[in-house]
Protein backbone atom coordinates (compact mmCIF):
# COMPACT_ATOMS: atom_id res chain seq x y z
CA MET A 1 0.86 -26.78 -42.01
CA ASN A 2 -1.55 -29.39 -43.43
CA ALA A 3 -0.76 -31.12 -46.70
CA PRO A 4 -3.35 -30.53 -49.46
CA TYR A 5 -3.60 -34.21 -50.25
CA GLN A 6 -4.61 -37.54 -48.72
CA LEU A 7 -4.58 -41.18 -49.71
CA GLY A 8 -7.68 -42.76 -51.19
CA ASN A 9 -8.90 -46.19 -50.17
CA PRO A 10 -7.24 -49.16 -51.91
CA LEU A 11 -9.20 -50.83 -54.69
CA PRO A 12 -10.82 -54.19 -53.90
CA ASP A 13 -8.63 -57.09 -55.01
CA ALA A 14 -10.65 -58.01 -58.12
CA ALA A 15 -10.86 -54.41 -59.33
CA TRP A 16 -7.14 -53.89 -58.71
CA ARG A 17 -6.19 -57.01 -60.67
CA ALA A 18 -8.25 -55.74 -63.59
CA VAL A 19 -6.64 -52.28 -63.50
CA ARG A 20 -3.17 -53.76 -63.28
CA LEU A 21 -3.73 -56.15 -66.21
CA ARG A 22 -5.28 -53.44 -68.37
CA THR A 23 -2.33 -51.15 -67.59
CA VAL A 24 0.01 -53.88 -68.86
CA PHE A 25 -1.89 -54.99 -71.97
CA GLU A 26 -3.72 -51.82 -73.04
CA HIS A 27 -1.18 -49.20 -71.98
CA CYS A 28 2.16 -51.04 -72.38
CA LYS A 29 3.28 -50.82 -68.73
CA TRP A 30 5.32 -54.01 -68.85
CA ASP A 31 7.52 -53.45 -65.78
CA VAL A 32 4.79 -53.46 -63.11
CA GLN A 33 6.83 -55.57 -60.70
CA SER A 34 10.11 -54.68 -58.98
CA GLU A 35 11.52 -57.48 -56.85
CA ASP A 36 8.75 -58.26 -54.32
CA HIS A 37 6.47 -55.25 -54.83
CA CYS A 38 4.26 -53.73 -57.51
CA VAL A 39 5.51 -50.39 -58.81
CA LEU A 40 1.92 -49.18 -59.16
CA ALA A 41 -0.04 -48.17 -56.05
CA ASP A 42 -3.50 -49.73 -55.64
CA PHE A 43 -4.84 -46.46 -54.20
CA PRO A 44 -4.82 -42.85 -55.51
CA LEU A 45 -3.38 -39.64 -54.14
CA LEU A 46 -6.36 -37.30 -53.67
CA LEU A 47 -5.34 -33.72 -54.35
CA ALA A 48 -7.46 -30.73 -53.39
CA GLU A 49 -8.85 -28.84 -56.38
CA SER A 50 -7.40 -25.55 -55.11
CA ALA A 51 -3.96 -27.17 -54.85
CA TRP A 52 -4.21 -28.44 -58.43
CA ARG A 53 -5.03 -24.94 -59.67
CA GLU A 54 -2.00 -23.61 -57.79
CA LEU A 55 0.31 -26.28 -59.20
CA SER A 56 -0.99 -25.62 -62.72
CA THR A 57 -0.25 -21.90 -62.42
CA LEU A 58 3.21 -22.52 -60.99
CA ALA A 59 4.12 -25.12 -63.63
CA GLU A 60 3.17 -22.78 -66.47
CA ALA A 61 5.23 -19.94 -64.98
CA LEU A 62 8.22 -22.28 -64.53
CA SER A 63 7.83 -23.46 -68.13
CA ARG A 64 7.77 -19.91 -69.55
CA GLU A 65 10.85 -18.89 -67.59
CA LEU A 66 12.69 -22.07 -68.55
CA ALA A 67 12.02 -21.55 -72.26
CA ALA A 68 13.38 -18.00 -72.05
CA ALA A 69 16.48 -19.12 -70.14
CA GLU A 70 17.21 -21.91 -72.63
CA ALA A 71 16.93 -19.49 -75.53
CA GLU A 72 19.36 -17.11 -73.82
CA LEU A 73 21.84 -19.93 -73.08
CA LEU A 74 21.66 -21.04 -76.72
CA ASN A 75 22.46 -17.55 -77.93
CA ARG A 76 25.22 -16.81 -75.44
CA LYS A 77 28.72 -17.28 -76.83
CA LYS A 78 31.76 -17.05 -74.58
CA LYS A 79 33.27 -13.58 -74.63
CA GLU A 80 36.73 -12.59 -73.52
CA LYS A 81 37.06 -12.67 -69.73
CA GLU A 82 33.51 -14.06 -69.43
CA GLU A 83 32.78 -17.35 -67.71
CA ASP A 84 31.96 -20.28 -69.98
CA LEU A 85 28.33 -20.92 -69.03
CA HIS A 86 28.24 -24.34 -70.70
CA GLU A 87 31.24 -25.50 -68.68
CA LYS A 88 29.65 -24.16 -65.50
CA LEU A 89 26.53 -26.22 -66.28
CA GLY A 90 28.58 -29.41 -65.91
CA LEU A 91 27.99 -30.63 -69.46
CA PRO A 92 30.25 -33.32 -70.97
CA ARG A 93 33.15 -31.84 -72.94
CA ALA A 94 31.74 -33.01 -76.28
CA LEU A 95 28.52 -31.07 -75.59
CA GLN A 96 30.39 -27.97 -74.48
CA GLN A 97 32.19 -28.01 -77.82
CA GLU A 98 28.90 -28.60 -79.64
CA PHE A 99 27.24 -25.57 -78.05
CA ARG A 100 30.27 -23.35 -78.76
CA ARG A 101 30.00 -24.02 -82.49
CA LEU A 102 26.21 -24.30 -82.60
CA ALA A 103 24.77 -22.18 -85.39
CA LYS A 104 21.06 -22.68 -85.94
CA PRO A 105 19.31 -24.73 -83.21
CA ALA A 106 17.41 -27.83 -84.27
CA LEU A 107 13.78 -27.24 -85.17
CA GLY A 108 11.45 -28.05 -82.25
CA VAL A 109 7.83 -29.19 -82.01
CA ALA A 110 5.45 -30.05 -79.12
CA ARG A 111 7.85 -29.15 -76.31
CA VAL A 112 7.09 -31.29 -73.25
CA MET A 113 8.56 -31.16 -69.74
CA ARG A 114 7.70 -32.31 -66.21
CA PHE A 115 8.20 -30.45 -62.94
CA ASP A 116 8.51 -32.47 -59.72
CA PHE A 117 6.69 -30.76 -56.83
CA HIS A 118 6.92 -31.57 -53.11
CA PHE A 119 4.75 -30.11 -50.37
CA THR A 120 6.96 -28.96 -47.50
CA ASP A 121 6.66 -27.17 -44.17
CA GLN A 122 7.11 -23.97 -46.21
CA GLY A 123 4.61 -24.78 -48.97
CA TRP A 124 5.28 -26.12 -52.46
CA ARG A 125 8.87 -26.62 -53.59
CA ILE A 126 10.36 -28.28 -56.67
CA SER A 127 13.33 -30.62 -56.67
CA GLU A 128 14.00 -30.59 -60.43
CA VAL A 129 12.63 -30.37 -63.94
CA ASN A 130 12.65 -33.17 -66.49
CA ALA A 131 13.08 -30.98 -69.57
CA ASP A 132 15.08 -33.35 -71.79
CA VAL A 133 13.23 -36.69 -72.09
CA PRO A 134 10.52 -36.68 -69.40
CA GLY A 135 8.91 -40.02 -68.61
CA GLY A 136 5.63 -40.86 -66.91
CA PHE A 137 3.24 -40.77 -69.88
CA ILE A 138 1.81 -44.24 -69.22
CA GLU A 139 1.27 -43.59 -65.51
CA ALA A 140 -0.10 -40.05 -65.95
CA SER A 141 -2.47 -41.05 -68.76
CA GLY A 142 -3.48 -44.70 -69.15
CA PHE A 143 -3.07 -45.81 -65.52
CA THR A 144 -4.60 -42.65 -64.04
CA GLN A 145 -7.63 -42.84 -66.33
CA LEU A 146 -8.23 -46.46 -65.27
CA MET A 147 -7.99 -45.56 -61.58
CA ALA A 148 -10.29 -42.54 -61.93
CA ALA A 149 -13.14 -44.76 -63.14
CA HIS A 150 -13.27 -46.39 -59.69
CA TYR A 151 -13.42 -43.19 -57.62
CA PRO A 152 -16.69 -41.28 -58.17
CA GLY A 153 -16.52 -37.66 -57.14
CA THR A 154 -12.95 -37.25 -58.38
CA THR A 155 -11.55 -36.10 -61.71
CA PRO A 156 -8.20 -36.99 -63.26
CA PRO A 157 -5.78 -34.27 -64.37
CA PRO A 158 -5.65 -33.66 -68.14
CA ASP A 159 -4.53 -36.65 -70.24
CA VAL A 160 -0.96 -35.66 -71.12
CA ALA A 161 -0.50 -38.39 -73.75
CA ASP A 162 -3.61 -37.20 -75.60
CA ILE A 163 -2.61 -33.51 -75.38
CA TYR A 164 0.95 -34.27 -76.46
CA THR A 165 0.01 -36.43 -79.45
CA ARG A 166 -2.67 -33.92 -80.52
CA ALA A 167 -0.01 -31.17 -80.46
CA LEU A 168 2.22 -33.28 -82.72
CA ALA A 169 -0.63 -34.11 -85.10
CA ALA A 170 -1.69 -30.46 -85.33
CA ALA A 171 1.84 -29.43 -86.37
CA LEU A 172 2.31 -32.16 -89.01
CA PRO A 173 0.70 -33.21 -92.29
CA LYS A 174 -1.93 -35.95 -92.24
CA ASP A 175 -0.36 -39.43 -92.24
CA ALA A 176 3.01 -37.95 -91.28
CA VAL A 177 5.69 -40.46 -90.27
CA VAL A 178 7.18 -39.84 -86.83
CA GLY A 179 10.39 -41.51 -85.67
CA LEU A 180 10.19 -42.59 -82.01
CA VAL A 181 13.89 -42.38 -81.20
CA HIS A 182 15.01 -44.31 -78.11
CA ALA A 183 17.57 -46.74 -76.71
CA THR A 184 15.99 -49.83 -78.24
CA ALA A 185 17.74 -52.26 -75.86
CA TYR A 186 15.83 -50.92 -72.84
CA SER A 187 12.31 -52.29 -72.36
CA ASP A 188 11.36 -49.46 -69.97
CA ASP A 189 12.05 -46.98 -72.80
CA ARG A 190 10.45 -49.19 -75.43
CA GLN A 191 7.17 -49.40 -73.50
CA VAL A 192 6.84 -45.59 -73.44
CA MET A 193 7.43 -45.37 -77.19
CA GLN A 194 4.99 -48.21 -77.85
CA PHE A 195 2.34 -46.44 -75.75
CA LEU A 196 2.83 -43.06 -77.43
CA GLY A 197 2.85 -44.75 -80.83
CA LYS A 198 -0.62 -46.18 -80.13
CA ARG A 199 -1.86 -42.74 -79.11
CA MET A 200 -0.37 -41.11 -82.19
CA ALA A 201 -2.10 -43.63 -84.44
CA GLU A 202 -5.42 -42.43 -82.97
CA HIS A 203 -4.63 -38.98 -84.38
CA GLY A 204 -3.64 -40.13 -87.85
CA LEU A 205 0.13 -40.30 -87.41
CA ARG A 206 2.33 -43.21 -88.49
CA THR A 207 5.30 -44.16 -86.33
CA ILE A 208 8.60 -46.03 -86.56
CA LEU A 209 10.29 -47.20 -83.36
CA ILE A 210 13.95 -46.55 -84.05
CA SER A 211 17.41 -46.07 -82.58
CA PRO A 212 19.37 -42.85 -83.29
CA GLU A 213 21.90 -45.08 -85.09
CA HIS A 214 19.16 -46.00 -87.60
CA ILE A 215 18.70 -42.40 -88.73
CA GLY A 216 20.32 -41.00 -91.85
CA TRP A 217 20.63 -37.31 -92.68
CA ASP A 218 20.47 -35.61 -96.05
CA GLN A 219 20.79 -31.80 -95.99
CA ASN A 220 19.72 -31.87 -92.32
CA VAL A 221 16.53 -33.85 -93.07
CA ALA A 222 16.17 -37.12 -91.14
CA SER A 223 15.22 -40.48 -92.63
CA ALA A 224 14.86 -43.99 -91.30
CA CYS A 225 17.73 -46.08 -92.68
CA SER A 226 17.52 -49.63 -91.35
CA SER A 227 16.73 -53.16 -92.46
CA PHE A 228 13.16 -52.83 -91.11
CA ALA A 229 12.23 -49.29 -92.20
CA ARG A 230 13.28 -46.72 -94.78
CA GLY A 231 11.95 -43.31 -95.70
CA GLU A 232 11.85 -39.65 -94.71
CA LEU A 233 10.61 -38.72 -91.25
CA GLN A 234 8.31 -35.72 -90.86
CA ALA A 235 9.15 -35.42 -87.14
CA MET A 236 10.99 -37.20 -84.34
CA VAL A 237 10.15 -37.82 -80.70
CA ARG A 238 13.47 -38.12 -78.88
CA PHE A 239 13.47 -40.42 -75.84
CA PHE A 240 17.26 -40.79 -75.92
CA PRO A 241 18.98 -38.58 -73.29
CA ALA A 242 21.01 -35.73 -74.76
CA GLU A 243 24.15 -36.57 -72.76
CA TRP A 244 24.16 -40.06 -74.32
CA LEU A 245 24.27 -38.74 -77.89
CA PRO A 246 28.08 -38.13 -77.99
CA THR A 247 28.60 -41.81 -77.16
CA LEU A 248 27.19 -42.74 -80.58
CA PRO A 249 29.50 -43.32 -83.55
CA ALA A 250 30.46 -40.14 -85.41
CA LYS A 251 28.77 -41.45 -88.55
CA SER A 252 25.41 -41.19 -86.76
CA GLN A 253 25.70 -37.38 -87.07
CA TRP A 254 24.25 -37.01 -83.57
CA SER A 255 24.99 -33.27 -83.52
CA ASN A 256 21.94 -32.73 -85.77
CA PHE A 257 19.77 -33.28 -82.69
CA PHE A 258 21.33 -30.10 -81.29
CA SER A 259 21.82 -27.95 -84.33
CA GLY A 260 20.64 -27.74 -87.90
CA SER A 261 17.94 -30.40 -88.06
CA ARG A 262 15.17 -29.34 -90.42
CA THR A 263 13.10 -32.28 -89.19
CA PRO A 264 11.13 -31.09 -86.15
CA ILE A 265 12.19 -32.76 -82.89
CA SER A 266 10.36 -33.18 -79.61
CA ASN A 267 12.44 -32.32 -77.67
CA PRO A 268 15.53 -30.76 -79.32
CA ALA A 269 18.68 -31.86 -77.52
CA SER A 270 19.37 -28.26 -76.47
CA ALA A 271 17.02 -29.09 -73.56
CA ILE A 272 20.12 -30.42 -71.76
CA LEU A 273 21.02 -26.79 -71.00
CA VAL A 274 18.18 -26.57 -68.48
CA GLN A 275 17.93 -30.29 -67.65
CA THR A 276 21.25 -30.19 -65.81
CA LYS A 277 20.80 -29.65 -62.09
CA ARG A 278 23.62 -27.10 -62.22
CA PHE A 279 21.27 -24.75 -64.08
CA PRO A 280 20.81 -22.56 -60.93
CA LEU A 281 24.56 -21.88 -60.86
CA VAL A 282 24.24 -19.64 -63.94
CA TRP A 283 21.08 -17.74 -62.95
CA ASP A 284 22.95 -14.64 -61.83
CA LEU A 285 24.76 -14.54 -65.18
CA LEU A 286 21.51 -14.44 -67.18
CA SER A 287 19.18 -11.56 -67.92
CA THR A 288 16.11 -13.87 -67.92
CA ASP A 289 13.65 -13.22 -65.10
CA LEU A 290 13.53 -16.47 -63.09
CA ARG A 291 11.42 -15.31 -60.16
CA THR A 292 9.26 -18.45 -59.98
CA TRP A 293 12.34 -20.69 -60.08
CA ARG A 294 14.01 -18.63 -57.37
CA MET A 295 10.88 -18.95 -55.22
CA LEU A 296 10.39 -22.72 -55.61
CA LEU A 297 13.80 -24.35 -56.08
CA PRO A 298 15.89 -24.71 -52.88
CA GLU A 299 19.26 -22.97 -52.76
CA THR A 300 21.68 -24.82 -55.04
CA ILE A 301 25.49 -24.58 -54.90
CA CYS A 302 28.57 -26.37 -56.14
CA PRO A 303 29.70 -29.04 -53.61
CA SER A 304 33.13 -27.39 -53.48
CA ALA A 305 31.47 -24.53 -51.54
CA VAL A 306 30.63 -26.92 -48.66
CA LEU A 307 33.68 -27.15 -46.46
CA SER A 308 33.02 -30.08 -44.14
CA GLU A 309 31.28 -33.44 -43.98
CA LEU A 310 29.21 -32.09 -41.09
CA GLU A 311 27.92 -29.22 -43.24
CA LEU A 312 26.92 -31.66 -45.98
CA LYS A 313 24.21 -33.02 -43.66
CA ASP A 314 22.18 -29.90 -44.44
CA TRP A 315 22.38 -30.51 -48.19
CA VAL A 316 21.14 -33.04 -50.73
CA VAL A 317 24.00 -34.03 -53.06
CA LYS A 318 22.98 -34.90 -56.64
CA PRO A 319 24.76 -35.66 -59.92
CA ALA A 320 24.26 -32.84 -62.42
CA LEU A 321 22.85 -35.21 -65.03
CA GLY A 322 21.37 -37.88 -62.79
CA ARG A 323 17.98 -39.45 -63.44
CA VAL A 324 15.33 -41.52 -61.57
CA GLY A 325 16.84 -40.75 -58.19
CA GLU A 326 20.22 -42.34 -58.93
CA GLY A 327 23.30 -41.12 -57.09
CA ILE A 328 21.43 -38.91 -54.59
CA ALA A 329 22.80 -38.60 -51.06
CA ILE A 330 20.64 -37.44 -48.14
CA SER A 331 22.10 -37.75 -44.65
CA GLY A 332 19.94 -39.98 -42.46
CA VAL A 333 18.08 -41.35 -45.50
CA THR A 334 20.73 -42.77 -47.84
CA ASP A 335 22.65 -45.85 -46.71
CA GLU A 336 25.79 -44.67 -44.87
CA LYS A 337 28.23 -46.51 -47.12
CA LYS A 338 26.56 -45.18 -50.25
CA LEU A 339 26.39 -41.71 -48.69
CA ARG A 340 30.15 -41.62 -48.11
CA LEU A 341 30.89 -42.82 -51.65
CA ILE A 342 28.66 -40.13 -53.19
CA HIS A 343 30.17 -37.39 -51.02
CA LYS A 344 33.63 -38.58 -52.00
CA ALA A 345 32.74 -38.53 -55.70
CA ALA A 346 31.24 -35.04 -55.38
CA ARG A 347 34.40 -33.71 -53.70
CA ARG A 348 36.63 -35.34 -56.32
CA ARG A 349 34.71 -33.92 -59.31
CA PRO A 350 32.53 -31.10 -57.94
CA SER A 351 31.84 -29.72 -61.44
CA GLN A 352 29.68 -32.79 -62.13
CA TRP A 353 27.57 -32.47 -58.98
CA ILE A 354 25.40 -30.02 -57.04
CA ALA A 355 24.41 -29.56 -53.42
CA GLN A 356 20.79 -28.54 -52.87
CA ARG A 357 19.53 -27.15 -49.55
CA ARG A 358 17.36 -29.74 -47.78
CA PHE A 359 13.66 -29.13 -47.34
CA THR A 360 11.21 -30.92 -45.05
CA ALA A 361 8.62 -32.72 -47.14
CA LEU A 362 5.32 -33.42 -45.41
CA PRO A 363 4.30 -37.08 -45.53
CA VAL A 364 0.81 -38.49 -45.85
CA SER A 365 -0.07 -41.33 -43.52
CA ARG A 366 -2.27 -44.38 -43.34
CA GLY A 367 -2.39 -47.38 -41.01
CA ASN A 368 0.68 -49.10 -42.46
CA GLY A 369 2.96 -46.06 -42.30
CA SER A 370 3.86 -42.79 -43.99
CA TYR A 371 4.47 -41.94 -47.64
CA TYR A 372 6.35 -39.01 -49.17
CA PRO A 373 4.78 -37.98 -52.50
CA SER A 374 6.35 -36.09 -55.38
CA ILE A 375 3.81 -34.76 -57.88
CA GLY A 376 5.11 -34.51 -61.44
CA VAL A 377 3.21 -31.83 -63.38
CA PHE A 378 3.53 -31.87 -67.18
CA THR A 379 3.43 -28.94 -69.56
CA VAL A 380 3.14 -29.18 -73.35
CA ASP A 381 4.13 -26.00 -75.19
CA GLY A 382 3.91 -24.16 -71.87
CA ALA A 383 0.38 -25.27 -70.87
CA THR A 384 -0.30 -27.60 -67.93
CA SER A 385 -1.18 -30.97 -69.45
CA GLY A 386 -1.31 -33.69 -66.78
CA ALA A 387 0.24 -35.16 -63.65
CA TYR A 388 1.09 -38.27 -61.73
CA ALA A 389 2.88 -38.89 -58.46
CA ARG A 390 5.68 -41.08 -57.22
CA MET A 391 5.67 -41.99 -53.57
CA GLY A 392 8.31 -43.46 -51.28
CA ARG A 393 8.43 -44.63 -47.69
CA LYS A 394 11.35 -42.24 -47.20
CA PRO A 395 11.92 -38.63 -48.33
CA LEU A 396 13.84 -39.79 -51.42
CA ILE A 397 12.09 -40.67 -54.67
CA ASP A 398 14.22 -43.43 -56.19
CA ASP A 399 13.77 -46.82 -57.84
CA GLU A 400 11.99 -48.11 -54.72
CA ALA A 401 9.17 -45.55 -55.04
CA GLN A 402 5.70 -46.42 -56.37
CA ASP A 403 3.77 -44.70 -59.13
CA VAL A 404 0.44 -43.40 -57.89
CA ALA A 405 -2.49 -41.87 -59.76
CA VAL A 406 -3.31 -38.27 -58.84
CA LEU A 407 -7.06 -37.61 -58.66
CA ILE A 408 -8.52 -34.16 -58.02
CA THR A 409 -11.24 -33.74 -55.45
CA SER A 410 -13.20 -30.89 -53.88
CA SER A 411 -14.26 -33.19 -51.01
CA ARG A 412 -12.39 -33.34 -47.72
CA GLY A 413 -13.54 -36.87 -46.97
CA ASN A 414 -11.59 -40.01 -47.89
CA VAL A 415 -12.62 -41.68 -51.15
């Protein structure tokens, strides 16, 4: 089976330096260097137009099914002799308790998520969804648009940052104040908020970059309460992972992000219900039709169902709430010492891990070796809204992978 993508030619040195600098200074991508390599690829991933149409259709179907499943999980309360679905999802105890007493879910607006696709020897498969606080806006929008200008005959996917900020602006009053809620100590989070803030300003929104500890609540309405900003917020963009919220002081009233908030949130913290990689373990207990998920996501089980170390070689072991490729064990790919430690941790606390059936991703090659791409497809309110890829020299997308612009082409020749 041939992969529906190829690598474009690298940009000439002068053009690449200009793209890289503009990505830093115009689009807030401050962390372009990791140790001795650039995290941005100086060439694009050229995706066949027919493949893009297929990915768009699949992403929208996945998004619809996910929204229905989340709504069902929110409304399901534990009945006598019925399994506790929230416990089965591997959520921290504080969040399990929160969902048990949850009354009215927090008000949502401009729901955004990202599905990570891989092309395998059996066609397209997904490894996960980023439904809670998906990243990649800078790479999928600013960086991709800059790269597209150098490759005539190609078109970029939709500009997700523009679509997302337009959706927010359309739902809010003119000159509305939006709180960009994030872990302010992390520059990689700050750069995303800074970038989105610039885009929101283009659509008439005002923004405050803020920590969840700087938010006050009055009758479930959020306000900025800090030395640098005060006043009611008309909406919030949450870039603070849901599982981190219970680590905040009780006075922060973090539970409002889950339940009761009358200030619209993108995304409400209830997204953790489908963000967890143990989501497939409750499928058979739901009435929601998840046919697209069942078709695209590899078989997923609790690690306790795998009896031997030898059997684990056929599975990818992942933390239920892991991010950016952390804590993933793949036999033959992950360092042996790290592999043993992860397997040991998964056996000790299997309820916090999953084992996912391995698939064979098809690499794309050039003279200096092979690359394994993962194409992240965004949806905003259920509609396909953009994409970018991450690419590694091994079939594991982790912190060593590069971000690469996806460009759509109808040509079979290299560009």
